[in-house]
Amino acid sequence: MKTICMICHKIFQTTNSRYKRSKKHFCSSTCFGLSRIKKVRINTAGYILIYKPNHPEAIQNYILEHRYIIEQHINRPLKKNEVVHHKGIKYPIGSIENKQDNRIENLELLIKYKHDRFHSTGRNHGGHTITCYMCGKIIKRNPSQEKIGRRQVCSVECRIKLPRIKKYRKVNTGKQKYKCAICNKEIIRYKESKFVKNHYCSKKCKYSKINRNKLGQFI
């Protein structure tokens, strides 16, 4: 039985069982592989990518659609310092829909420094203001310069004047008299936990033969 390939439109012969098995027909494995490739993708930045493996600027066989449309419109390849800007006629600037609106009316060819200058206007690069902990002076700081749980100061001199925070110290629970479990000698020790049963005056008493049970283990 003769059928037509969906990719290269070549007429080839196949069996009746293969023809009835599926609606899509391919002459070879290469045409089947080309059918599995997505012609349009969207990258993480929200721009549309199209499948153009023979293009000089192609990265993993894909290029940006808005750059390709401008190249076809001006009939020449774009330079490295040229950037395609989305005007945002249909959608507001900064939205994902604006990046995917690749009509010629919405696209504009700009040089890189002009495109950067256009997007830099209206942004607050100075960060936000904070007050010094010691002198009360108002200074500008970026969020990246601030550290969590740290008191903000304007200079090194104010940093030195900061009052030091007292660290937590272990409080002594007091001393108490105990008797050695081996030699009955009186010893003075800090109050230990209630789970401690026996007290010893030295290591000799602690590891003596009398302090062993019948199995040879320490009590």
N, C-alpha and C. Protein backbone atom coordinates (compact mmCIF):
# COMPACT_ATOMS: atom_id res chain seq x y z
N MET A 1 0.85 -1.20 0.00
CA MET A 1 0.00 0.00 0.00
C MET A 1 0.88 1.24 0.00
N LYS A 2 0.56 2.25 -0.80
CA LYS A 2 1.35 3.47 -0.92
C LYS A 2 0.71 4.60 -0.10
N THR A 3 1.58 5.32 0.65
CA THR A 3 1.14 6.46 1.46
C THR A 3 2.13 7.62 1.30
N ILE A 4 1.78 8.78 1.85
CA ILE A 4 2.61 9.99 1.74
C ILE A 4 3.17 10.32 3.13
N CYS A 5 4.46 10.64 3.20
CA CYS A 5 5.11 11.03 4.46
C CYS A 5 4.62 12.42 4.87
N MET A 6 4.37 12.61 6.16
CA MET A 6 3.85 13.89 6.66
C MET A 6 4.92 14.97 6.73
N ILE A 7 6.20 14.60 6.72
CA ILE A 7 7.29 15.57 6.86
C ILE A 7 7.86 15.96 5.49
N CYS A 8 8.37 14.97 4.75
CA CYS A 8 9.02 15.26 3.46
C CYS A 8 8.09 15.07 2.26
N HIS A 9 6.85 14.60 2.50
CA HIS A 9 5.84 14.40 1.45
C HIS A 9 6.32 13.45 0.36
N LYS A 10 7.07 12.47 0.78
CA LYS A 10 7.57 11.45 -0.14
C LYS A 10 6.58 10.27 -0.18
N ILE A 11 6.36 9.70 -1.35
CA ILE A 11 5.47 8.54 -1.49
C ILE A 11 6.28 7.28 -1.23
N PHE A 12 5.83 6.49 -0.27
CA PHE A 12 6.53 5.23 0.06
C PHE A 12 5.49 4.15 0.27
N GLN A 13 5.98 2.90 0.26
CA GLN A 13 5.09 1.74 0.36
C GLN A 13 5.14 1.17 1.78
N THR A 14 3.99 0.82 2.32
CA THR A 14 3.87 0.25 3.66
C THR A 14 2.81 -0.84 3.66
N THR A 15 2.74 -1.58 4.77
CA THR A 15 1.77 -2.67 4.89
C THR A 15 0.42 -2.12 5.37
N ASN A 16 -0.61 -2.97 5.20
CA ASN A 16 -1.96 -2.57 5.62
C ASN A 16 -2.06 -2.46 7.14
N SER A 17 -1.34 -3.32 7.87
CA SER A 17 -1.41 -3.30 9.34
C SER A 17 -0.78 -2.02 9.89
N ARG A 18 0.35 -1.58 9.33
CA ARG A 18 0.97 -0.33 9.77
C ARG A 18 0.12 0.88 9.40
N TYR A 19 -0.55 0.81 8.28
CA TYR A 19 -1.39 1.94 7.87
C TYR A 19 -2.60 2.11 8.80
N LYS A 20 -3.17 0.97 9.23
CA LYS A 20 -4.34 1.01 10.10
C LYS A 20 -3.95 1.31 11.56
N ARG A 21 -2.68 1.06 11.92
CA ARG A 21 -2.27 1.22 13.31
C ARG A 21 -2.29 2.69 13.77
N SER A 22 -1.89 3.61 12.91
CA SER A 22 -1.83 5.03 13.28
C SER A 22 -2.27 5.90 12.11
N LYS A 23 -2.63 7.14 12.46
CA LYS A 23 -3.06 8.09 11.44
C LYS A 23 -1.88 8.82 10.81
N LYS A 24 -0.76 8.97 11.59
CA LYS A 24 0.43 9.65 11.09
C LYS A 24 1.39 8.63 10.49
N HIS A 25 1.95 8.97 9.32
CA HIS A 25 2.83 8.04 8.60
C HIS A 25 4.12 8.75 8.23
N PHE A 26 5.27 8.04 8.43
CA PHE A 26 6.60 8.60 8.14
C PHE A 26 7.39 7.57 7.34
N CYS A 27 8.21 8.11 6.43
CA CYS A 27 8.98 7.23 5.56
C CYS A 27 10.23 6.66 6.22
N SER A 28 10.78 7.37 7.24
CA SER A 28 12.01 6.91 7.91
C SER A 28 12.01 7.39 9.36
N SER A 29 13.04 6.95 10.09
CA SER A 29 13.18 7.34 11.50
C SER A 29 13.56 8.81 11.64
N THR A 30 14.27 9.37 10.64
CA THR A 30 14.63 10.80 10.69
C THR A 30 13.39 11.68 10.61
N CYS A 31 12.44 11.32 9.73
CA CYS A 31 11.20 12.09 9.63
C CYS A 31 10.36 11.93 10.90
N PHE A 32 10.40 10.75 11.50
CA PHE A 32 9.68 10.54 12.75
C PHE A 32 10.29 11.40 13.87
N GLY A 33 11.64 11.52 13.89
CA GLY A 33 12.31 12.35 14.89
C GLY A 33 12.01 13.83 14.72
N LEU A 34 11.92 14.27 13.46
CA LEU A 34 11.57 15.67 13.18
C LEU A 34 10.14 16.00 13.60
N SER A 35 9.26 15.02 13.54
CA SER A 35 7.89 15.25 13.97
C SER A 35 7.77 15.42 15.48
N ARG A 36 8.72 14.85 16.24
CA ARG A 36 8.70 14.95 17.69
C ARG A 36 9.24 16.28 18.20
N ILE A 37 9.93 17.04 17.35
CA ILE A 37 10.54 18.31 17.75
C ILE A 37 9.46 19.38 17.86
N LYS A 38 9.50 20.13 18.94
CA LYS A 38 8.57 21.25 19.11
C LYS A 38 9.06 22.44 18.30
N LYS A 39 8.23 22.96 17.43
CA LYS A 39 8.61 24.08 16.58
C LYS A 39 8.64 25.40 17.36
N VAL A 40 7.86 25.51 18.42
CA VAL A 40 7.78 26.74 19.21
C VAL A 40 7.96 26.39 20.68
N ARG A 41 8.79 27.16 21.37
CA ARG A 41 9.01 27.00 22.81
C ARG A 41 9.00 28.37 23.47
N ILE A 42 8.88 28.37 24.80
CA ILE A 42 8.97 29.59 25.60
C ILE A 42 10.05 29.38 26.66
N ASN A 43 11.04 30.28 26.68
CA ASN A 43 12.15 30.14 27.64
C ASN A 43 11.75 30.67 29.01
N THR A 44 12.69 30.60 29.95
CA THR A 44 12.40 31.00 31.33
C THR A 44 12.14 32.50 31.46
N ALA A 45 12.70 33.31 30.55
CA ALA A 45 12.48 34.76 30.58
C ALA A 45 11.13 35.17 30.00
N GLY A 46 10.43 34.24 29.35
CA GLY A 46 9.11 34.54 28.79
C GLY A 46 9.12 34.85 27.31
N TYR A 47 10.26 34.71 26.62
CA TYR A 47 10.35 34.98 25.18
C TYR A 47 10.05 33.70 24.38
N ILE A 48 9.56 33.89 23.16
CA ILE A 48 9.21 32.76 22.29
C ILE A 48 10.45 32.35 21.49
N LEU A 49 10.72 31.04 21.46
CA LEU A 49 11.82 30.46 20.69
C LEU A 49 11.23 29.64 19.55
N ILE A 50 11.85 29.72 18.38
CA ILE A 50 11.42 28.94 17.22
C ILE A 50 12.57 28.05 16.76
N TYR A 51 12.21 26.94 16.13
CA TYR A 51 13.20 25.92 15.71
C TYR A 51 13.81 26.33 14.38
N LYS A 52 15.09 26.76 14.41
CA LYS A 52 15.86 27.12 13.21
C LYS A 52 17.28 26.59 13.38
N PRO A 53 17.51 25.32 13.04
CA PRO A 53 18.84 24.73 13.29
C PRO A 53 19.96 25.29 12.41
N ASN A 54 19.63 25.82 11.22
CA ASN A 54 20.65 26.33 10.30
C ASN A 54 20.98 27.80 10.51
N HIS A 55 20.34 28.44 11.49
CA HIS A 55 20.60 29.86 11.73
C HIS A 55 21.94 30.03 12.46
N PRO A 56 22.75 31.06 12.12
CA PRO A 56 24.07 31.23 12.78
C PRO A 56 23.97 31.57 14.27
N GLU A 57 22.89 32.19 14.72
CA GLU A 57 22.73 32.53 16.14
C GLU A 57 21.95 31.48 16.92
N ALA A 58 21.71 30.33 16.32
CA ALA A 58 20.90 29.29 16.97
C ALA A 58 21.67 28.66 18.13
N ILE A 59 20.99 28.53 19.27
CA ILE A 59 21.52 27.86 20.46
C ILE A 59 20.64 26.64 20.70
N GLN A 60 21.25 25.45 20.56
CA GLN A 60 20.52 24.18 20.64
C GLN A 60 19.35 24.16 19.66
N ASN A 61 19.63 24.64 18.43
CA ASN A 61 18.70 24.62 17.28
C ASN A 61 17.52 25.57 17.43
N TYR A 62 17.55 26.49 18.41
CA TYR A 62 16.45 27.44 18.62
C TYR A 62 16.99 28.87 18.64
N ILE A 63 16.18 29.81 18.14
CA ILE A 63 16.52 31.24 18.18
C ILE A 63 15.30 32.02 18.69
N LEU A 64 15.53 33.25 19.06
CA LEU A 64 14.44 34.11 19.52
C LEU A 64 13.60 34.58 18.35
N GLU A 65 12.31 34.48 18.51
CA GLU A 65 11.40 34.79 17.39
C GLU A 65 11.42 36.26 17.03
N HIS A 66 11.48 37.16 18.01
CA HIS A 66 11.42 38.59 17.70
C HIS A 66 12.68 39.06 16.95
N ARG A 67 13.83 38.43 17.21
CA ARG A 67 15.04 38.78 16.44
C ARG A 67 14.95 38.26 15.01
N TYR A 68 14.36 37.09 14.85
CA TYR A 68 14.22 36.51 13.51
C TYR A 68 13.25 37.32 12.66
N ILE A 69 12.18 37.84 13.27
CA ILE A 69 11.19 38.64 12.53
C ILE A 69 11.81 39.96 12.05
N ILE A 70 12.62 40.59 12.88
CA ILE A 70 13.29 41.84 12.48
C ILE A 70 14.31 41.58 11.38
N GLU A 71 15.02 40.47 11.45
CA GLU A 71 15.97 40.12 10.39
C GLU A 71 15.28 39.94 9.05
N GLN A 72 14.12 39.31 9.07
CA GLN A 72 13.37 39.13 7.82
C GLN A 72 12.79 40.47 7.32
N HIS A 73 12.53 41.38 8.26
CA HIS A 73 11.93 42.67 7.87
C HIS A 73 12.97 43.61 7.25
N ILE A 74 14.19 43.62 7.77
CA ILE A 74 15.23 44.52 7.25
C ILE A 74 16.17 43.83 6.26
N ASN A 75 15.99 42.51 6.06
CA ASN A 75 16.76 41.72 5.08
C ASN A 75 18.26 41.73 5.37
N ARG A 76 18.63 41.63 6.62
CA ARG A 76 20.05 41.49 6.99
C ARG A 76 20.14 40.91 8.40
N PRO A 77 21.24 40.22 8.72
CA PRO A 77 21.40 39.68 10.08
C PRO A 77 21.70 40.78 11.09
N LEU A 78 21.26 40.61 12.31
CA LEU A 78 21.47 41.61 13.35
C LEU A 78 22.88 41.53 13.91
N LYS A 79 23.38 42.69 14.36
CA LYS A 79 24.70 42.76 14.98
C LYS A 79 24.61 42.41 16.47
N LYS A 80 25.77 42.27 17.10
CA LYS A 80 25.80 41.88 18.52
C LYS A 80 25.34 43.01 19.43
N ASN A 81 25.58 44.26 19.00
CA ASN A 81 25.19 45.40 19.84
C ASN A 81 23.77 45.89 19.56
N GLU A 82 23.02 45.16 18.73
CA GLU A 82 21.64 45.54 18.41
C GLU A 82 20.66 44.68 19.22
N VAL A 83 19.66 45.34 19.77
CA VAL A 83 18.66 44.68 20.62
C VAL A 83 17.27 45.02 20.09
N VAL A 84 16.39 44.03 20.11
CA VAL A 84 15.01 44.22 19.68
C VAL A 84 14.16 44.53 20.91
N HIS A 85 13.53 45.70 20.90
CA HIS A 85 12.74 46.17 22.04
C HIS A 85 11.25 45.99 21.77
N HIS A 86 10.52 45.49 22.79
CA HIS A 86 9.07 45.39 22.72
C HIS A 86 8.45 46.71 23.22
N LYS A 87 7.70 47.37 22.37
CA LYS A 87 7.11 48.67 22.72
C LYS A 87 6.01 48.55 23.77
N GLY A 88 5.25 47.47 23.73
CA GLY A 88 4.16 47.31 24.68
C GLY A 88 2.92 48.05 24.26
N ILE A 89 2.54 47.93 22.98
CA ILE A 89 1.34 48.61 22.48
C ILE A 89 0.08 47.93 23.01
N LYS A 90 0.08 46.61 22.94
CA LYS A 90 -1.11 45.85 23.34
C LYS A 90 -1.15 45.62 24.84
N TYR A 91 0.03 45.36 25.44
CA TYR A 91 0.10 45.03 26.86
C TYR A 91 1.04 46.00 27.56
N PRO A 92 0.93 46.17 28.87
CA PRO A 92 1.84 47.09 29.59
C PRO A 92 3.26 46.56 29.65
N ILE A 93 4.23 47.48 29.83
CA ILE A 93 5.64 47.11 29.88
C ILE A 93 5.91 46.32 31.15
N GLY A 94 6.66 45.23 31.03
CA GLY A 94 7.00 44.39 32.17
C GLY A 94 6.18 43.13 32.28
N SER A 95 5.12 42.99 31.49
CA SER A 95 4.28 41.80 31.55
C SER A 95 4.82 40.74 30.60
N ILE A 96 4.43 39.47 30.86
CA ILE A 96 4.88 38.36 30.02
C ILE A 96 4.24 38.45 28.64
N GLU A 97 2.99 38.93 28.57
CA GLU A 97 2.30 39.03 27.28
C GLU A 97 3.01 40.01 26.35
N ASN A 98 3.66 41.04 26.91
CA ASN A 98 4.39 42.00 26.09
C ASN A 98 5.59 41.34 25.41
N LYS A 99 6.24 40.40 26.09
CA LYS A 99 7.39 39.71 25.52
C LYS A 99 6.98 38.74 24.41
N GLN A 100 5.76 38.26 24.46
CA GLN A 100 5.29 37.30 23.47
C GLN A 100 4.50 37.96 22.33
N ASP A 101 4.35 39.28 22.38
CA ASP A 101 3.66 40.01 21.31
C ASP A 101 4.71 40.41 20.27
N ASN A 102 4.95 39.54 19.29
CA ASN A 102 6.03 39.73 18.31
C ASN A 102 5.52 40.25 16.97
N ARG A 103 4.55 41.14 17.01
CA ARG A 103 4.14 41.82 15.77
C ARG A 103 5.16 42.90 15.42
N ILE A 104 5.26 43.24 14.15
CA ILE A 104 6.23 44.24 13.70
C ILE A 104 5.89 45.61 14.28
N GLU A 105 4.62 45.91 14.50
CA GLU A 105 4.23 47.19 15.08
C GLU A 105 4.71 47.32 16.53
N ASN A 106 4.88 46.16 17.18
CA ASN A 106 5.28 46.17 18.59
C ASN A 106 6.80 46.08 18.77
N LEU A 107 7.56 45.85 17.70
CA LEU A 107 9.01 45.65 17.78
C LEU A 107 9.74 46.90 17.30
N GLU A 108 10.89 47.15 17.94
CA GLU A 108 11.73 48.30 17.59
C GLU A 108 13.19 47.91 17.74
N LEU A 109 14.01 48.24 16.74
CA LEU A 109 15.43 47.92 16.76
C LEU A 109 16.21 49.06 17.41
N LEU A 110 16.95 48.74 18.49
CA LEU A 110 17.72 49.73 19.23
C LEU A 110 19.14 49.23 19.45
N ILE A 111 20.05 50.18 19.71
CA ILE A 111 21.40 49.83 20.13
C ILE A 111 21.36 49.49 21.63
N LYS A 112 22.30 48.67 22.07
CA LYS A 112 22.23 48.10 23.43
C LYS A 112 22.21 49.18 24.51
N TYR A 113 23.06 50.21 24.40
CA TYR A 113 23.12 51.21 25.46
C TYR A 113 21.85 52.05 25.52
N LYS A 114 21.19 52.26 24.38
CA LYS A 114 19.92 52.99 24.37
C LYS A 114 18.80 52.15 24.99
N HIS A 115 18.86 50.85 24.72
CA HIS A 115 17.86 49.95 25.31
C HIS A 115 18.02 49.85 26.83
N ASP A 116 19.27 49.81 27.31
CA ASP A 116 19.52 49.79 28.75
C ASP A 116 19.10 51.09 29.41
N ARG A 117 19.33 52.22 28.72
CA ARG A 117 18.95 53.52 29.27
C ARG A 117 17.42 53.64 29.36
N PHE A 118 16.71 53.07 28.40
CA PHE A 118 15.25 53.13 28.42
C PHE A 118 14.68 52.37 29.62
N HIS A 119 15.22 51.19 29.91
CA HIS A 119 14.71 50.37 31.02
C HIS A 119 15.24 50.85 32.38
N SER A 120 16.33 51.61 32.39
CA SER A 120 16.88 52.08 33.67
C SER A 120 16.12 53.29 34.21
N THR A 121 15.41 54.02 33.37
CA THR A 121 14.66 55.20 33.83
C THR A 121 13.46 54.75 34.65
N GLY A 122 13.26 55.42 35.76
CA GLY A 122 12.13 55.10 36.63
C GLY A 122 12.43 54.08 37.70
N ARG A 123 13.66 53.55 37.72
CA ARG A 123 14.02 52.57 38.74
C ARG A 123 14.73 53.26 39.89
N ASN A 124 14.57 52.76 41.08
CA ASN A 124 15.22 53.31 42.28
C ASN A 124 16.48 52.52 42.55
N HIS A 125 17.63 53.05 42.10
CA HIS A 125 18.90 52.34 42.31
C HIS A 125 19.54 52.67 43.64
N GLY A 126 19.03 53.68 44.36
CA GLY A 126 19.65 54.09 45.62
C GLY A 126 19.27 53.24 46.81
N GLY A 127 18.39 52.28 46.64
CA GLY A 127 17.95 51.46 47.76
C GLY A 127 16.98 52.21 48.64
N HIS A 128 16.94 51.88 49.93
CA HIS A 128 16.04 52.54 50.87
C HIS A 128 16.85 53.13 52.02
N THR A 129 16.23 54.00 52.78
CA THR A 129 16.92 54.71 53.85
C THR A 129 16.72 53.99 55.19
N ILE A 130 17.77 54.07 56.04
CA ILE A 130 17.71 53.53 57.39
C ILE A 130 18.31 54.56 58.35
N THR A 131 18.01 54.43 59.63
CA THR A 131 18.55 55.34 60.65
C THR A 131 19.64 54.62 61.44
N CYS A 132 20.73 55.35 61.73
CA CYS A 132 21.84 54.78 62.48
C CYS A 132 21.40 54.47 63.91
N TYR A 133 21.85 53.35 64.45
CA TYR A 133 21.46 52.91 65.79
C TYR A 133 22.04 53.80 66.87
N MET A 134 23.23 54.41 66.62
CA MET A 134 23.92 55.20 67.65
C MET A 134 23.64 56.69 67.52
N CYS A 135 23.91 57.30 66.35
CA CYS A 135 23.80 58.75 66.21
C CYS A 135 22.48 59.20 65.58
N GLY A 136 21.67 58.28 65.05
CA GLY A 136 20.40 58.64 64.45
C GLY A 136 20.51 59.25 63.08
N LYS A 137 21.65 59.14 62.41
CA LYS A 137 21.85 59.69 61.08
C LYS A 137 21.11 58.83 60.05
N ILE A 138 20.49 59.50 59.05
CA ILE A 138 19.76 58.78 57.99
C ILE A 138 20.72 58.52 56.85
N ILE A 139 20.84 57.25 56.45
CA ILE A 139 21.74 56.85 55.37
C ILE A 139 20.99 55.95 54.41
N LYS A 140 21.54 55.82 53.18
CA LYS A 140 20.96 54.96 52.15
C LYS A 140 21.70 53.62 52.15
N ARG A 141 20.95 52.57 52.11
CA ARG A 141 21.51 51.22 52.07
C ARG A 141 20.67 50.34 51.14
N ASN A 142 21.35 49.42 50.45
CA ASN A 142 20.66 48.42 49.66
C ASN A 142 20.27 47.24 50.55
N PRO A 143 19.24 46.51 50.19
CA PRO A 143 18.86 45.35 51.01
C PRO A 143 19.95 44.29 51.11
N SER A 144 20.83 44.20 50.08
CA SER A 144 21.91 43.22 50.12
C SER A 144 22.98 43.57 51.16
N GLN A 145 23.11 44.87 51.51
CA GLN A 145 24.12 45.29 52.49
C GLN A 145 23.67 45.06 53.93
N GLU A 146 22.40 44.83 54.13
CA GLU A 146 21.89 44.61 55.47
C GLU A 146 22.00 43.14 55.84
N LYS A 147 22.31 42.90 57.11
CA LYS A 147 22.41 41.55 57.63
C LYS A 147 21.30 41.34 58.66
N ILE A 148 20.72 40.14 58.59
CA ILE A 148 19.58 39.83 59.46
C ILE A 148 20.06 39.75 60.91
N GLY A 149 19.34 40.39 61.80
CA GLY A 149 19.66 40.35 63.22
C GLY A 149 20.83 41.22 63.62
N ARG A 150 21.22 42.20 62.78
CA ARG A 150 22.34 43.08 63.08
C ARG A 150 21.86 44.52 63.16
N ARG A 151 22.36 45.28 64.13
CA ARG A 151 21.98 46.68 64.28
C ARG A 151 22.72 47.53 63.25
N GLN A 152 21.98 48.34 62.50
CA GLN A 152 22.54 49.10 61.40
C GLN A 152 23.18 50.40 61.92
N VAL A 153 24.40 50.67 61.46
CA VAL A 153 25.13 51.88 61.83
C VAL A 153 25.64 52.55 60.57
N CYS A 154 26.05 53.85 60.71
CA CYS A 154 26.46 54.63 59.54
C CYS A 154 27.95 54.51 59.26
N SER A 155 28.79 54.22 60.28
CA SER A 155 30.23 54.20 60.09
C SER A 155 30.87 53.19 61.05
N VAL A 156 32.21 53.09 60.93
CA VAL A 156 32.96 52.18 61.80
C VAL A 156 33.02 52.72 63.23
N GLU A 157 33.07 54.05 63.38
CA GLU A 157 33.13 54.66 64.72
C GLU A 157 31.86 54.33 65.52
N CYS A 158 30.71 54.38 64.86
CA CYS A 158 29.47 54.01 65.54
C CYS A 158 29.42 52.51 65.82
N ARG A 159 30.07 51.72 64.97
CA ARG A 159 30.11 50.28 65.20
C ARG A 159 30.91 49.96 66.46
N ILE A 160 32.01 50.71 66.71
CA ILE A 160 32.83 50.48 67.90
C ILE A 160 32.08 50.90 69.17
N LYS A 161 31.27 51.94 69.07
CA LYS A 161 30.55 52.45 70.24
C LYS A 161 29.33 51.61 70.62
N LEU A 162 29.00 50.63 69.81
CA LEU A 162 27.82 49.82 70.11
C LEU A 162 27.99 49.08 71.45
N PRO A 163 26.98 49.09 72.31
CA PRO A 163 27.09 48.33 73.57
C PRO A 163 27.10 46.83 73.30
N ARG A 164 28.01 46.14 73.95
CA ARG A 164 28.14 44.71 73.73
C ARG A 164 27.02 43.95 74.44
N ILE A 165 26.55 42.95 73.76
CA ILE A 165 25.49 42.11 74.33
C ILE A 165 26.14 41.03 75.19
N LYS A 166 25.70 40.90 76.42
CA LYS A 166 26.25 39.89 77.32
C LYS A 166 25.82 38.51 76.86
N LYS A 167 26.81 37.64 76.76
CA LYS A 167 26.53 36.27 76.35
C LYS A 167 25.99 35.47 77.54
N TYR A 168 25.26 34.45 77.20
CA TYR A 168 24.67 33.59 78.24
C TYR A 168 25.77 32.77 78.91
N ARG A 169 25.81 32.81 80.22
CA ARG A 169 26.77 32.04 81.00
C ARG A 169 26.03 31.02 81.85
N LYS A 170 26.70 29.93 82.10
CA LYS A 170 26.12 28.87 82.92
C LYS A 170 26.12 29.30 84.38
N VAL A 171 24.98 29.27 85.01
CA VAL A 171 24.85 29.70 86.40
C VAL A 171 25.23 28.55 87.32
N ASN A 172 26.07 28.88 88.32
CA ASN A 172 26.46 27.86 89.28
C ASN A 172 25.26 27.48 90.16
N THR A 173 25.05 26.21 90.31
CA THR A 173 23.92 25.75 91.11
C THR A 173 24.28 25.60 92.59
N GLY A 174 25.53 25.92 92.97
CA GLY A 174 25.92 25.80 94.38
C GLY A 174 26.63 24.48 94.65
N LYS A 175 27.30 24.41 95.82
CA LYS A 175 28.05 23.22 96.21
C LYS A 175 27.32 22.47 97.32
N GLN A 176 27.66 21.20 97.46
CA GLN A 176 27.03 20.35 98.46
C GLN A 176 28.02 19.28 98.91
N LYS A 177 27.84 18.79 100.13
CA LYS A 177 28.70 17.74 100.68
C LYS A 177 28.17 16.37 100.28
N TYR A 178 29.13 15.53 99.84
CA TYR A 178 28.81 14.16 99.49
C TYR A 178 29.79 13.23 100.20
N LYS A 179 29.44 11.96 100.24
CA LYS A 179 30.32 10.93 100.77
C LYS A 179 30.73 9.99 99.66
N CYS A 180 32.01 9.61 99.67
CA CYS A 180 32.52 8.68 98.68
C CYS A 180 31.86 7.32 98.90
N ALA A 181 31.44 6.68 97.84
CA ALA A 181 30.75 5.40 97.93
C ALA A 181 31.68 4.25 98.31
N ILE A 182 33.01 4.45 98.22
CA ILE A 182 33.97 3.38 98.52
C ILE A 182 34.61 3.59 99.89
N CYS A 183 35.24 4.77 100.08
CA CYS A 183 35.99 5.01 101.32
C CYS A 183 35.26 5.90 102.32
N ASN A 184 34.04 6.33 102.03
CA ASN A 184 33.22 7.17 102.90
C ASN A 184 33.90 8.51 103.25
N LYS A 185 34.72 9.01 102.36
CA LYS A 185 35.38 10.28 102.57
C LYS A 185 34.44 11.42 102.15
N GLU A 186 34.42 12.47 102.99
CA GLU A 186 33.56 13.61 102.67
C GLU A 186 34.20 14.46 101.57
N ILE A 187 33.41 14.78 100.56
CA ILE A 187 33.88 15.60 99.43
C ILE A 187 32.84 16.68 99.17
N ILE A 188 33.34 17.82 98.63
CA ILE A 188 32.46 18.95 98.29
C ILE A 188 32.43 19.07 96.77
N ARG A 189 31.27 18.97 96.21
CA ARG A 189 31.08 19.04 94.75
C ARG A 189 29.90 19.94 94.43
N TYR A 190 29.87 20.38 93.14
CA TYR A 190 28.70 21.11 92.67
C TYR A 190 27.50 20.17 92.60
N LYS A 191 26.32 20.72 92.78
CA LYS A 191 25.10 19.92 92.78
C LYS A 191 24.93 19.26 91.41
N GLU A 192 24.93 17.95 91.42
CA GLU A 192 24.78 17.19 90.19
C GLU A 192 23.32 16.78 90.02
N SER A 193 23.03 16.18 88.91
CA SER A 193 21.65 15.79 88.63
C SER A 193 21.19 14.70 89.57
N LYS A 194 19.89 14.56 89.71
CA LYS A 194 19.32 13.58 90.64
C LYS A 194 19.49 12.14 90.15
N PHE A 195 19.89 11.96 88.86
CA PHE A 195 20.07 10.61 88.34
C PHE A 195 21.40 10.00 88.76
N VAL A 196 22.34 10.84 89.27
CA VAL A 196 23.64 10.33 89.73
C VAL A 196 23.45 9.71 91.11
N LYS A 197 23.75 8.41 91.24
CA LYS A 197 23.53 7.70 92.50
C LYS A 197 24.77 7.73 93.39
N ASN A 198 25.91 7.40 92.82
CA ASN A 198 27.14 7.27 93.60
C ASN A 198 28.10 8.41 93.29
N HIS A 199 28.89 8.79 94.31
CA HIS A 199 29.90 9.83 94.18
C HIS A 199 31.23 9.26 94.68
N TYR A 200 32.33 9.68 94.02
CA TYR A 200 33.65 9.14 94.35
C TYR A 200 34.61 10.30 94.53
N CYS A 201 35.59 10.08 95.40
CA CYS A 201 36.57 11.13 95.70
C CYS A 201 37.69 11.16 94.68
N SER A 202 37.97 10.04 94.02
CA SER A 202 39.08 9.98 93.06
C SER A 202 38.81 8.89 92.04
N LYS A 203 39.71 8.79 91.07
CA LYS A 203 39.58 7.77 90.02
C LYS A 203 39.88 6.38 90.56
N LYS A 204 40.76 6.30 91.58
CA LYS A 204 41.09 5.00 92.18
C LYS A 204 39.85 4.37 92.80
N CYS A 205 39.04 5.20 93.50
CA CYS A 205 37.81 4.68 94.09
C CYS A 205 36.77 4.36 93.03
N LYS A 206 36.75 5.16 92.00
CA LYS A 206 35.74 4.96 90.96
C LYS A 206 35.97 3.66 90.20
N TYR A 207 37.26 3.33 89.93
CA TYR A 207 37.58 2.14 89.14
C TYR A 207 38.22 1.04 90.00
N SER A 208 37.89 1.01 91.27
CA SER A 208 38.45 -0.03 92.15
C SER A 208 37.72 -1.36 91.94
N LYS A 209 38.34 -2.47 92.47
CA LYS A 209 37.77 -3.81 92.32
C LYS A 209 36.51 -3.97 93.16
N ILE A 210 36.40 -3.20 94.25
CA ILE A 210 35.23 -3.32 95.11
C ILE A 210 33.99 -2.79 94.40
N ASN A 211 34.19 -1.88 93.47
CA ASN A 211 33.07 -1.23 92.78
C ASN A 211 32.55 -2.06 91.61
N ARG A 212 32.94 -3.32 91.52
CA ARG A 212 32.46 -4.19 90.45
C ARG A 212 31.42 -5.15 90.99
N ASN A 213 30.51 -5.58 90.16
CA ASN A 213 29.53 -6.58 90.53
C ASN A 213 30.06 -7.97 90.16
N LYS A 214 29.21 -8.95 90.29
CA LYS A 214 29.64 -10.34 90.09
C LYS A 214 30.00 -10.60 88.62
N LEU A 215 29.36 -9.90 87.70
CA LEU A 215 29.67 -10.09 86.26
C LEU A 215 30.91 -9.34 85.84
N GLY A 216 31.52 -8.55 86.72
CA GLY A 216 32.72 -7.80 86.38
C GLY A 216 32.43 -6.44 85.78
N GLN A 217 31.17 -5.99 85.84
CA GLN A 217 30.81 -4.69 85.29
C GLN A 217 30.83 -3.65 86.41
N PHE A 218 31.07 -2.38 86.06
CA PHE A 218 31.04 -1.29 87.03
C PHE A 218 29.61 -0.99 87.43
N ILE A 219 29.45 -0.64 88.69
CA ILE A 219 28.13 -0.30 89.20
C ILE A 219 27.78 1.12 88.77
